[in-house]
Amino acid sequence: MMLERFKNFSPSDFIFKIASEDADLEGFYELRRQIFCEEQGVFELDDCDLFDNDMIPIVCKSIIAGMEDSVAGVVRIDERESGVWYGSRLGVAQPFRRVRSFSPSVSVRNMQPCYHGLGALGAGLIYKAVSTANAIGCHEFLATVQHQNARFFQRLHWEPLEEMEIHGLKHVKMRADLNHYQPAARVA
């Protein structure tokens, strides 16, 4: 008898949305804790700060058999001055970092472009974050990005503004080209 190895299942269907249900919010905070506390060691117990009080949490969830499953990625946005929005705490769960392509329904469901290639979920989260802010009055969208991710953001139409150190790590303050991120057709 010959045993064949099965390829691990990797979903190709996702939804990008504002986290509003309890399960979405629990997954949002848990994934942030996993990434920024356990994996990267930037924070000890949790990564919550002042900006969590007024933020809009955004999640990417996998879709399996037509139903939402686990939180695969997170980002938060907040308005820090009138019309000036920031994105932060962008992260993708380890099992989803190698997702390179989506099912055709992802673009239709999310009313946003689909990115293909390494970093597809991160790019989708960035698009959802900036286009959501753009739909609710953003005239400038900024982020402080870990240095090793700055080139990825530049490929997504962001410009570097200055380098800085935050929590002992090199970061780059960057600005999104709002012409590339059309206002979201649906803010949800």
N, C-alpha and C. Protein backbone atom coordinates (compact mmCIF):
# COMPACT_ATOMS: atom_id res chain seq x y z
N MET A 1 0.84 -1.17 0.00
CA MET A 1 0.00 0.00 0.00
C MET A 1 0.89 1.24 0.00
N MET A 2 0.57 2.12 -0.87
CA MET A 2 1.36 3.34 -1.01
C MET A 2 0.61 4.50 -0.38
N LEU A 3 1.30 5.24 0.46
CA LEU A 3 0.69 6.41 1.09
C LEU A 3 1.16 7.67 0.35
N GLU A 4 0.20 8.46 -0.06
CA GLU A 4 0.55 9.70 -0.74
C GLU A 4 0.36 10.87 0.21
N ARG A 5 1.23 11.81 0.08
CA ARG A 5 1.11 13.02 0.91
C ARG A 5 0.06 13.92 0.30
N PHE A 6 -0.74 14.49 1.16
CA PHE A 6 -1.74 15.44 0.71
C PHE A 6 -1.20 16.84 0.87
N LYS A 7 -1.47 17.65 -0.10
CA LYS A 7 -1.08 19.05 -0.02
C LYS A 7 -1.99 19.73 1.01
N ASN A 8 -1.42 20.56 1.86
CA ASN A 8 -2.22 21.29 2.83
C ASN A 8 -3.23 22.17 2.11
N PHE A 9 -4.43 22.19 2.62
CA PHE A 9 -5.47 23.03 2.04
C PHE A 9 -5.15 24.49 2.31
N SER A 10 -5.24 25.31 1.30
CA SER A 10 -5.03 26.74 1.44
C SER A 10 -6.19 27.44 0.77
N PRO A 11 -7.01 28.15 1.56
CA PRO A 11 -8.17 28.81 0.95
C PRO A 11 -7.74 29.87 -0.05
N SER A 12 -8.60 30.12 -1.03
CA SER A 12 -8.32 31.15 -2.03
C SER A 12 -9.43 32.19 -2.07
N ASP A 13 -10.36 32.09 -1.12
CA ASP A 13 -11.48 33.01 -1.08
C ASP A 13 -11.43 33.78 0.24
N PHE A 14 -11.55 35.10 0.17
CA PHE A 14 -11.39 35.95 1.35
C PHE A 14 -12.36 37.12 1.31
N ILE A 15 -12.61 37.68 2.48
CA ILE A 15 -13.38 38.91 2.58
C ILE A 15 -12.57 39.90 3.41
N PHE A 16 -12.56 41.15 2.96
CA PHE A 16 -11.91 42.25 3.67
C PHE A 16 -13.04 43.13 4.19
N LYS A 17 -13.09 43.34 5.50
CA LYS A 17 -14.22 44.09 6.05
C LYS A 17 -13.86 44.75 7.38
N ILE A 18 -14.69 45.70 7.76
CA ILE A 18 -14.56 46.30 9.08
C ILE A 18 -15.06 45.28 10.09
N ALA A 19 -14.26 45.05 11.12
CA ALA A 19 -14.64 44.09 12.16
C ALA A 19 -15.71 44.71 13.04
N SER A 20 -16.87 44.07 13.08
CA SER A 20 -17.96 44.62 13.90
C SER A 20 -18.56 43.56 14.82
N GLU A 21 -18.48 42.31 14.43
CA GLU A 21 -19.03 41.23 15.27
C GLU A 21 -18.00 40.84 16.33
N ASP A 22 -18.48 40.29 17.44
CA ASP A 22 -17.58 39.90 18.53
C ASP A 22 -16.49 38.94 18.07
N ALA A 23 -16.85 37.95 17.26
CA ALA A 23 -15.86 36.97 16.79
C ALA A 23 -14.78 37.65 15.94
N ASP A 24 -15.18 38.63 15.12
CA ASP A 24 -14.20 39.36 14.31
C ASP A 24 -13.25 40.15 15.19
N LEU A 25 -13.80 40.83 16.19
CA LEU A 25 -12.97 41.64 17.09
C LEU A 25 -12.05 40.77 17.94
N GLU A 26 -12.54 39.63 18.40
CA GLU A 26 -11.69 38.71 19.16
C GLU A 26 -10.53 38.23 18.29
N GLY A 27 -10.83 37.85 17.06
CA GLY A 27 -9.80 37.42 16.12
C GLY A 27 -8.82 38.53 15.79
N PHE A 28 -9.33 39.75 15.67
CA PHE A 28 -8.52 40.93 15.38
C PHE A 28 -7.46 41.13 16.47
N TYR A 29 -7.88 41.16 17.73
CA TYR A 29 -6.95 41.38 18.84
C TYR A 29 -6.03 40.17 19.06
N GLU A 30 -6.56 38.98 18.88
CA GLU A 30 -5.74 37.77 19.08
C GLU A 30 -4.63 37.70 18.04
N LEU A 31 -4.94 37.99 16.79
CA LEU A 31 -3.90 37.94 15.75
C LEU A 31 -2.85 39.02 15.99
N ARG A 32 -3.27 40.21 16.39
CA ARG A 32 -2.29 41.26 16.72
C ARG A 32 -1.37 40.79 17.85
N ARG A 33 -1.94 40.16 18.88
CA ARG A 33 -1.14 39.67 20.00
C ARG A 33 -0.14 38.62 19.51
N GLN A 34 -0.61 37.71 18.68
CA GLN A 34 0.28 36.66 18.15
C GLN A 34 1.45 37.25 17.38
N ILE A 35 1.15 38.22 16.52
CA ILE A 35 2.19 38.79 15.65
C ILE A 35 3.13 39.71 16.42
N PHE A 36 2.57 40.69 17.12
CA PHE A 36 3.41 41.74 17.70
C PHE A 36 3.97 41.40 19.08
N CYS A 37 3.37 40.44 19.78
CA CYS A 37 3.89 40.04 21.10
C CYS A 37 4.67 38.74 21.01
N GLU A 38 4.01 37.68 20.54
CA GLU A 38 4.65 36.37 20.52
C GLU A 38 5.71 36.24 19.42
N GLU A 39 5.35 36.57 18.20
CA GLU A 39 6.26 36.35 17.08
C GLU A 39 7.38 37.38 17.02
N GLN A 40 7.03 38.66 17.04
CA GLN A 40 8.04 39.71 16.89
C GLN A 40 8.63 40.18 18.21
N GLY A 41 7.92 39.96 19.31
CA GLY A 41 8.42 40.37 20.62
C GLY A 41 8.52 41.88 20.81
N VAL A 42 7.74 42.64 20.05
CA VAL A 42 7.76 44.10 20.17
C VAL A 42 7.10 44.53 21.48
N PHE A 43 6.04 43.84 21.88
CA PHE A 43 5.31 44.12 23.12
C PHE A 43 5.27 42.86 23.95
N GLU A 44 4.98 43.01 25.24
CA GLU A 44 4.99 41.84 26.13
C GLU A 44 3.65 41.11 26.16
N LEU A 45 2.61 41.70 26.72
CA LEU A 45 1.34 41.00 26.90
C LEU A 45 0.32 41.30 25.81
N ASP A 46 0.23 42.57 25.42
CA ASP A 46 -0.65 42.95 24.32
C ASP A 46 -0.09 44.21 23.67
N ASP A 47 -0.62 44.55 22.51
CA ASP A 47 -0.10 45.68 21.75
C ASP A 47 -1.06 46.87 21.73
N CYS A 48 -2.04 46.87 22.61
CA CYS A 48 -3.03 47.95 22.63
C CYS A 48 -2.39 49.26 23.08
N ASP A 49 -2.88 50.37 22.52
CA ASP A 49 -2.40 51.70 22.87
C ASP A 49 -3.54 52.71 22.75
N LEU A 50 -3.22 53.99 22.85
CA LEU A 50 -4.23 55.06 22.79
C LEU A 50 -5.06 55.03 21.51
N PHE A 51 -4.43 54.66 20.40
CA PHE A 51 -5.12 54.70 19.11
C PHE A 51 -6.22 53.65 19.00
N ASP A 52 -6.19 52.65 19.86
CA ASP A 52 -7.26 51.64 19.83
C ASP A 52 -8.60 52.22 20.28
N ASN A 53 -8.58 53.32 21.03
CA ASN A 53 -9.83 53.91 21.53
C ASN A 53 -10.71 54.45 20.41
N ASP A 54 -10.10 54.96 19.33
CA ASP A 54 -10.87 55.60 18.26
C ASP A 54 -10.62 54.99 16.89
N MET A 55 -10.12 53.79 16.85
CA MET A 55 -9.75 53.18 15.57
C MET A 55 -10.93 52.47 14.92
N ILE A 56 -10.74 52.18 13.65
CA ILE A 56 -11.65 51.31 12.90
C ILE A 56 -10.85 50.04 12.61
N PRO A 57 -11.27 48.91 13.20
CA PRO A 57 -10.55 47.65 12.97
C PRO A 57 -10.99 46.99 11.67
N ILE A 58 -10.02 46.56 10.88
CA ILE A 58 -10.31 45.90 9.60
C ILE A 58 -9.69 44.51 9.63
N VAL A 59 -10.46 43.53 9.17
CA VAL A 59 -9.98 42.16 9.13
C VAL A 59 -10.10 41.59 7.73
N CYS A 60 -9.27 40.61 7.46
CA CYS A 60 -9.40 39.75 6.29
C CYS A 60 -9.73 38.38 6.85
N LYS A 61 -10.82 37.79 6.38
CA LYS A 61 -11.21 36.46 6.84
C LYS A 61 -11.25 35.51 5.66
N SER A 62 -10.84 34.30 5.90
CA SER A 62 -10.95 33.28 4.86
C SER A 62 -12.41 32.88 4.72
N ILE A 63 -12.77 32.48 3.52
CA ILE A 63 -14.12 31.99 3.22
C ILE A 63 -13.97 30.52 2.85
N ILE A 64 -14.67 29.65 3.57
CA ILE A 64 -14.64 28.22 3.27
C ILE A 64 -16.08 27.73 3.15
N ALA A 65 -16.37 27.09 2.05
CA ALA A 65 -17.72 26.59 1.76
C ALA A 65 -18.75 27.71 1.85
N GLY A 66 -18.36 28.90 1.40
CA GLY A 66 -19.28 30.04 1.38
C GLY A 66 -19.47 30.74 2.71
N MET A 67 -18.78 30.29 3.75
CA MET A 67 -18.95 30.90 5.08
C MET A 67 -17.63 31.48 5.57
N GLU A 68 -17.73 32.58 6.34
CA GLU A 68 -16.54 33.19 6.91
C GLU A 68 -15.92 32.24 7.92
N ASP A 69 -14.61 32.13 7.86
CA ASP A 69 -13.88 31.24 8.76
C ASP A 69 -12.97 32.07 9.65
N SER A 70 -11.70 31.84 9.63
CA SER A 70 -10.79 32.48 10.58
C SER A 70 -10.28 33.84 10.08
N VAL A 71 -9.84 34.65 11.05
CA VAL A 71 -9.21 35.93 10.73
C VAL A 71 -7.80 35.63 10.22
N ALA A 72 -7.55 36.05 8.99
CA ALA A 72 -6.27 35.78 8.34
C ALA A 72 -5.35 36.99 8.35
N GLY A 73 -5.92 38.18 8.53
CA GLY A 73 -5.11 39.39 8.53
C GLY A 73 -5.85 40.53 9.21
N VAL A 74 -5.08 41.53 9.64
CA VAL A 74 -5.64 42.67 10.38
C VAL A 74 -4.91 43.96 10.02
N VAL A 75 -5.61 45.06 10.21
CA VAL A 75 -5.04 46.41 10.16
C VAL A 75 -6.05 47.32 10.86
N ARG A 76 -5.55 48.42 11.40
CA ARG A 76 -6.46 49.40 12.00
C ARG A 76 -6.20 50.74 11.36
N ILE A 77 -7.24 51.58 11.31
CA ILE A 77 -7.10 52.94 10.81
C ILE A 77 -7.69 53.89 11.84
N ASP A 78 -7.13 55.10 11.89
CA ASP A 78 -7.67 56.12 12.80
C ASP A 78 -7.33 57.50 12.26
N GLU A 79 -8.20 58.45 12.58
CA GLU A 79 -8.01 59.84 12.16
C GLU A 79 -7.35 60.60 13.31
N ARG A 80 -6.15 61.12 13.07
CA ARG A 80 -5.40 61.78 14.14
C ARG A 80 -5.46 63.30 14.07
N GLU A 81 -5.80 63.84 12.92
CA GLU A 81 -6.11 65.25 12.72
C GLU A 81 -7.23 65.25 11.69
N SER A 82 -7.89 66.37 11.55
CA SER A 82 -8.98 66.43 10.59
C SER A 82 -8.49 66.05 9.19
N GLY A 83 -9.01 64.97 8.65
CA GLY A 83 -8.66 64.51 7.31
C GLY A 83 -7.35 63.75 7.20
N VAL A 84 -6.60 63.64 8.29
CA VAL A 84 -5.31 62.92 8.26
C VAL A 84 -5.49 61.58 8.98
N TRP A 85 -5.44 60.52 8.21
CA TRP A 85 -5.67 59.17 8.71
C TRP A 85 -4.36 58.39 8.74
N TYR A 86 -4.29 57.44 9.66
CA TYR A 86 -3.14 56.56 9.79
C TYR A 86 -3.59 55.11 9.74
N GLY A 87 -2.75 54.30 9.16
CA GLY A 87 -2.92 52.86 9.23
C GLY A 87 -1.82 52.29 10.10
N SER A 88 -2.16 51.28 10.88
CA SER A 88 -1.15 50.67 11.75
C SER A 88 -1.57 49.25 12.13
N ARG A 89 -0.64 48.54 12.75
CA ARG A 89 -0.82 47.17 13.21
C ARG A 89 -1.27 46.24 12.08
N LEU A 90 -0.68 46.44 10.90
CA LEU A 90 -0.94 45.56 9.77
C LEU A 90 -0.25 44.23 10.01
N GLY A 91 -0.98 43.14 9.86
CA GLY A 91 -0.37 41.83 10.03
C GLY A 91 -1.18 40.74 9.36
N VAL A 92 -0.50 39.71 8.91
CA VAL A 92 -1.14 38.54 8.29
C VAL A 92 -0.70 37.31 9.06
N ALA A 93 -1.64 36.44 9.37
CA ALA A 93 -1.35 35.21 10.11
C ALA A 93 -0.36 34.35 9.32
N GLN A 94 0.52 33.70 10.04
CA GLN A 94 1.59 32.89 9.43
C GLN A 94 1.09 31.95 8.32
N PRO A 95 0.01 31.18 8.53
CA PRO A 95 -0.40 30.24 7.47
C PRO A 95 -0.87 30.91 6.18
N PHE A 96 -1.15 32.23 6.23
CA PHE A 96 -1.69 32.92 5.06
C PHE A 96 -0.67 33.82 4.37
N ARG A 97 0.55 33.85 4.84
CA ARG A 97 1.56 34.76 4.27
C ARG A 97 2.04 34.34 2.89
N ARG A 98 1.81 33.10 2.54
CA ARG A 98 2.26 32.61 1.24
C ARG A 98 1.12 32.59 0.20
N VAL A 99 -0.06 33.12 0.56
CA VAL A 99 -1.16 33.17 -0.41
C VAL A 99 -0.72 34.08 -1.56
N ARG A 100 -0.82 33.54 -2.77
CA ARG A 100 -0.36 34.26 -3.96
C ARG A 100 -1.49 34.64 -4.90
N SER A 101 -2.63 33.98 -4.78
CA SER A 101 -3.72 34.30 -5.70
C SER A 101 -5.06 34.07 -5.01
N PHE A 102 -6.07 34.66 -5.59
CA PHE A 102 -7.42 34.62 -5.04
C PHE A 102 -8.37 33.99 -6.05
N SER A 103 -9.52 33.56 -5.54
CA SER A 103 -10.58 33.12 -6.44
C SER A 103 -11.15 34.37 -7.12
N PRO A 104 -11.77 34.24 -8.27
CA PRO A 104 -12.32 35.41 -8.98
C PRO A 104 -13.38 36.16 -8.17
N SER A 105 -14.04 35.49 -7.24
CA SER A 105 -15.11 36.16 -6.49
C SER A 105 -14.61 37.18 -5.47
N VAL A 106 -13.33 37.14 -5.13
CA VAL A 106 -12.80 38.05 -4.11
C VAL A 106 -12.95 39.51 -4.54
N SER A 107 -12.61 39.81 -5.78
CA SER A 107 -12.70 41.18 -6.28
C SER A 107 -14.14 41.67 -6.28
N VAL A 108 -15.06 40.82 -6.71
CA VAL A 108 -16.47 41.19 -6.76
C VAL A 108 -17.03 41.38 -5.35
N ARG A 109 -16.78 40.42 -4.48
CA ARG A 109 -17.31 40.47 -3.11
C ARG A 109 -16.82 41.72 -2.37
N ASN A 110 -15.55 42.05 -2.54
CA ASN A 110 -14.94 43.14 -1.78
C ASN A 110 -14.97 44.49 -2.49
N MET A 111 -15.42 44.49 -3.73
CA MET A 111 -15.47 45.72 -4.53
C MET A 111 -14.13 46.45 -4.51
N GLN A 112 -13.06 45.68 -4.68
CA GLN A 112 -11.72 46.25 -4.72
C GLN A 112 -10.85 45.35 -5.59
N PRO A 113 -9.73 45.87 -6.07
CA PRO A 113 -8.87 45.04 -6.91
C PRO A 113 -8.26 43.90 -6.11
N CYS A 114 -7.90 42.84 -6.80
CA CYS A 114 -7.20 41.71 -6.19
C CYS A 114 -5.74 41.81 -6.56
N TYR A 115 -4.90 41.62 -5.58
CA TYR A 115 -3.47 41.62 -5.81
C TYR A 115 -3.02 40.17 -5.86
N HIS A 116 -2.12 39.87 -6.76
CA HIS A 116 -1.60 38.52 -6.88
C HIS A 116 -0.09 38.56 -6.63
N GLY A 117 0.43 37.48 -6.14
CA GLY A 117 1.83 37.40 -5.80
C GLY A 117 2.00 37.40 -4.30
N LEU A 118 3.22 37.24 -3.87
CA LEU A 118 3.52 37.19 -2.45
C LEU A 118 3.06 38.50 -1.78
N GLY A 119 2.39 38.39 -0.67
CA GLY A 119 1.89 39.58 0.02
C GLY A 119 0.50 39.99 -0.40
N ALA A 120 -0.22 39.09 -1.07
CA ALA A 120 -1.54 39.43 -1.60
C ALA A 120 -2.51 39.86 -0.50
N LEU A 121 -2.53 39.16 0.64
CA LEU A 121 -3.46 39.54 1.71
C LEU A 121 -3.08 40.88 2.33
N GLY A 122 -1.80 41.11 2.53
CA GLY A 122 -1.34 42.39 3.06
C GLY A 122 -1.74 43.53 2.14
N ALA A 123 -1.55 43.33 0.84
CA ALA A 123 -1.92 44.36 -0.14
C ALA A 123 -3.43 44.61 -0.13
N GLY A 124 -4.22 43.55 0.01
CA GLY A 124 -5.67 43.70 0.08
C GLY A 124 -6.10 44.46 1.33
N LEU A 125 -5.44 44.18 2.45
CA LEU A 125 -5.74 44.91 3.69
C LEU A 125 -5.37 46.38 3.56
N ILE A 126 -4.24 46.66 2.94
CA ILE A 126 -3.83 48.05 2.74
C ILE A 126 -4.84 48.77 1.87
N TYR A 127 -5.27 48.12 0.78
CA TYR A 127 -6.26 48.76 -0.10
C TYR A 127 -7.56 49.03 0.66
N LYS A 128 -8.03 48.06 1.42
CA LYS A 128 -9.27 48.24 2.18
C LYS A 128 -9.13 49.39 3.18
N ALA A 129 -7.98 49.47 3.86
CA ALA A 129 -7.76 50.52 4.85
C ALA A 129 -7.77 51.91 4.22
N VAL A 130 -6.98 52.09 3.18
CA VAL A 130 -6.86 53.42 2.57
C VAL A 130 -8.15 53.81 1.86
N SER A 131 -8.76 52.90 1.13
CA SER A 131 -9.99 53.24 0.41
C SER A 131 -11.15 53.52 1.36
N THR A 132 -11.17 52.85 2.52
CA THR A 132 -12.20 53.13 3.52
C THR A 132 -12.02 54.53 4.07
N ALA A 133 -10.80 54.88 4.47
CA ALA A 133 -10.54 56.23 4.97
C ALA A 133 -10.83 57.27 3.90
N ASN A 134 -10.47 56.97 2.65
CA ASN A 134 -10.70 57.89 1.55
C ASN A 134 -12.19 58.14 1.35
N ALA A 135 -13.01 57.16 1.64
CA ALA A 135 -14.47 57.31 1.48
C ALA A 135 -15.09 58.14 2.60
N ILE A 136 -14.39 58.29 3.73
CA ILE A 136 -14.99 59.02 4.85
C ILE A 136 -14.20 60.28 5.21
N GLY A 137 -13.60 60.90 4.18
CA GLY A 137 -13.04 62.22 4.37
C GLY A 137 -11.54 62.34 4.52
N CYS A 138 -10.80 61.35 4.11
CA CYS A 138 -9.34 61.39 4.22
C CYS A 138 -8.76 62.28 3.11
N HIS A 139 -7.84 63.17 3.46
CA HIS A 139 -7.10 63.89 2.43
C HIS A 139 -5.60 63.56 2.49
N GLU A 140 -5.20 62.81 3.53
CA GLU A 140 -3.83 62.31 3.62
C GLU A 140 -3.86 61.02 4.44
N PHE A 141 -3.19 59.99 3.95
CA PHE A 141 -3.14 58.70 4.65
C PHE A 141 -1.67 58.34 4.87
N LEU A 142 -1.31 58.14 6.14
CA LEU A 142 0.07 57.88 6.53
C LEU A 142 0.19 56.56 7.28
N ALA A 143 1.39 56.05 7.35
CA ALA A 143 1.69 54.87 8.16
C ALA A 143 3.17 54.89 8.50
N THR A 144 3.49 54.36 9.66
CA THR A 144 4.89 54.10 9.97
C THR A 144 5.09 52.60 9.79
N VAL A 145 5.94 52.26 8.85
CA VAL A 145 6.11 50.90 8.36
C VAL A 145 7.46 50.37 8.81
N GLN A 146 7.48 49.13 9.29
CA GLN A 146 8.77 48.53 9.63
C GLN A 146 9.66 48.57 8.39
N HIS A 147 10.90 48.92 8.60
CA HIS A 147 11.85 49.19 7.51
C HIS A 147 11.87 48.10 6.45
N GLN A 148 11.84 46.85 6.86
CA GLN A 148 11.92 45.75 5.89
C GLN A 148 10.69 45.66 4.99
N ASN A 149 9.61 46.36 5.34
CA ASN A 149 8.38 46.32 4.53
C ASN A 149 8.19 47.56 3.66
N ALA A 150 9.10 48.53 3.75
CA ALA A 150 8.94 49.79 3.02
C ALA A 150 8.88 49.58 1.51
N ARG A 151 9.70 48.70 0.97
CA ARG A 151 9.71 48.47 -0.49
C ARG A 151 8.37 47.89 -0.96
N PHE A 152 7.79 47.00 -0.16
CA PHE A 152 6.47 46.44 -0.46
C PHE A 152 5.44 47.57 -0.59
N PHE A 153 5.45 48.51 0.36
CA PHE A 153 4.52 49.63 0.32
C PHE A 153 4.78 50.52 -0.90
N GLN A 154 6.04 50.73 -1.25
CA GLN A 154 6.35 51.54 -2.43
C GLN A 154 5.75 50.92 -3.69
N ARG A 155 5.78 49.60 -3.79
CA ARG A 155 5.17 48.93 -4.96
C ARG A 155 3.66 49.13 -4.99
N LEU A 156 3.08 49.48 -3.82
CA LEU A 156 1.63 49.71 -3.73
C LEU A 156 1.29 51.20 -3.75
N HIS A 157 2.17 52.01 -4.31
CA HIS A 157 1.95 53.44 -4.51
C HIS A 157 2.00 54.25 -3.21
N TRP A 158 3.02 53.99 -2.41
CA TRP A 158 3.30 54.77 -1.22
C TRP A 158 4.66 55.43 -1.39
N GLU A 159 4.82 56.62 -0.81
CA GLU A 159 6.10 57.30 -0.89
C GLU A 159 6.71 57.41 0.51
N PRO A 160 8.02 57.14 0.61
CA PRO A 160 8.68 57.28 1.91
C PRO A 160 8.89 58.75 2.24
N LEU A 161 8.68 59.11 3.51
CA LEU A 161 8.84 60.49 3.95
C LEU A 161 10.05 60.67 4.86
N GLU A 162 10.22 59.78 5.84
CA GLU A 162 11.36 59.88 6.74
C GLU A 162 11.56 58.56 7.47
N GLU A 163 12.80 58.33 7.90
CA GLU A 163 13.10 57.14 8.69
C GLU A 163 13.07 57.52 10.16
N MET A 164 12.69 56.55 11.00
CA MET A 164 12.61 56.79 12.45
C MET A 164 12.75 55.47 13.18
N GLU A 165 12.92 55.55 14.48
CA GLU A 165 12.98 54.35 15.30
C GLU A 165 11.78 54.35 16.24
N ILE A 166 11.05 53.23 16.26
CA ILE A 166 9.89 53.07 17.13
C ILE A 166 10.01 51.71 17.80
N HIS A 167 9.88 51.68 19.12
CA HIS A 167 10.00 50.44 19.90
C HIS A 167 11.30 49.70 19.59
N GLY A 168 12.37 50.47 19.34
CA GLY A 168 13.67 49.87 19.08
C GLY A 168 13.85 49.30 17.69
N LEU A 169 12.89 49.53 16.79
CA LEU A 169 12.96 49.01 15.43
C LEU A 169 12.97 50.15 14.41
N LYS A 170 13.73 49.96 13.32
CA LYS A 170 13.73 50.95 12.25
C LYS A 170 12.39 50.94 11.53
N HIS A 171 11.82 52.13 11.35
CA HIS A 171 10.57 52.31 10.63
C HIS A 171 10.74 53.40 9.58
N VAL A 172 9.83 53.44 8.64
CA VAL A 172 9.78 54.49 7.63
C VAL A 172 8.37 55.07 7.66
N LYS A 173 8.28 56.38 7.83
CA LYS A 173 6.97 57.05 7.73
C LYS A 173 6.68 57.18 6.24
N MET A 174 5.47 56.75 5.84
CA MET A 174 5.12 56.72 4.43
C MET A 174 3.74 57.32 4.20
N ARG A 175 3.51 57.79 2.96
CA ARG A 175 2.23 58.38 2.58
C ARG A 175 1.68 57.66 1.34
N ALA A 176 0.39 57.34 1.41
CA ALA A 176 -0.27 56.67 0.29
C ALA A 176 -0.66 57.67 -0.79
N ASP A 177 -0.58 57.25 -2.04
CA ASP A 177 -1.08 58.04 -3.16
C ASP A 177 -2.58 57.80 -3.24
N LEU A 178 -3.36 58.75 -2.76
CA LEU A 178 -4.82 58.56 -2.69
C LEU A 178 -5.46 58.41 -4.07
N ASN A 179 -4.80 58.87 -5.14
CA ASN A 179 -5.34 58.67 -6.48
C ASN A 179 -5.37 57.20 -6.86
N HIS A 180 -4.50 56.42 -6.25
CA HIS A 180 -4.46 54.98 -6.53
C HIS A 180 -5.52 54.22 -5.71
N TYR A 181 -5.97 54.79 -4.62
CA TYR A 181 -6.91 54.14 -3.70
C TYR A 181 -8.25 54.88 -3.76
N GLN A 182 -9.06 54.51 -4.71
CA GLN A 182 -10.35 55.17 -4.88
C GLN A 182 -11.21 54.97 -3.62
N PRO A 183 -12.06 55.94 -3.29
CA PRO A 183 -12.93 55.77 -2.12
C PRO A 183 -13.72 54.45 -2.21
N ALA A 184 -13.79 53.76 -1.09
CA ALA A 184 -14.50 52.48 -1.06
C ALA A 184 -15.95 52.65 -1.51
N ALA A 185 -16.41 51.74 -2.34
CA ALA A 185 -17.80 51.77 -2.79
C ALA A 185 -18.74 51.48 -1.64
N ARG A 186 -18.23 50.75 -0.67
CA ARG A 186 -19.03 50.36 0.49
C ARG A 186 -18.12 50.40 1.71
N VAL A 187 -18.53 51.15 2.71
CA VAL A 187 -17.76 51.21 3.95
C VAL A 187 -18.42 50.26 4.93
N ALA A 188 -17.94 49.01 4.95
CA ALA A 188 -18.48 47.97 5.82
C ALA A 188 -17.47 46.90 6.02
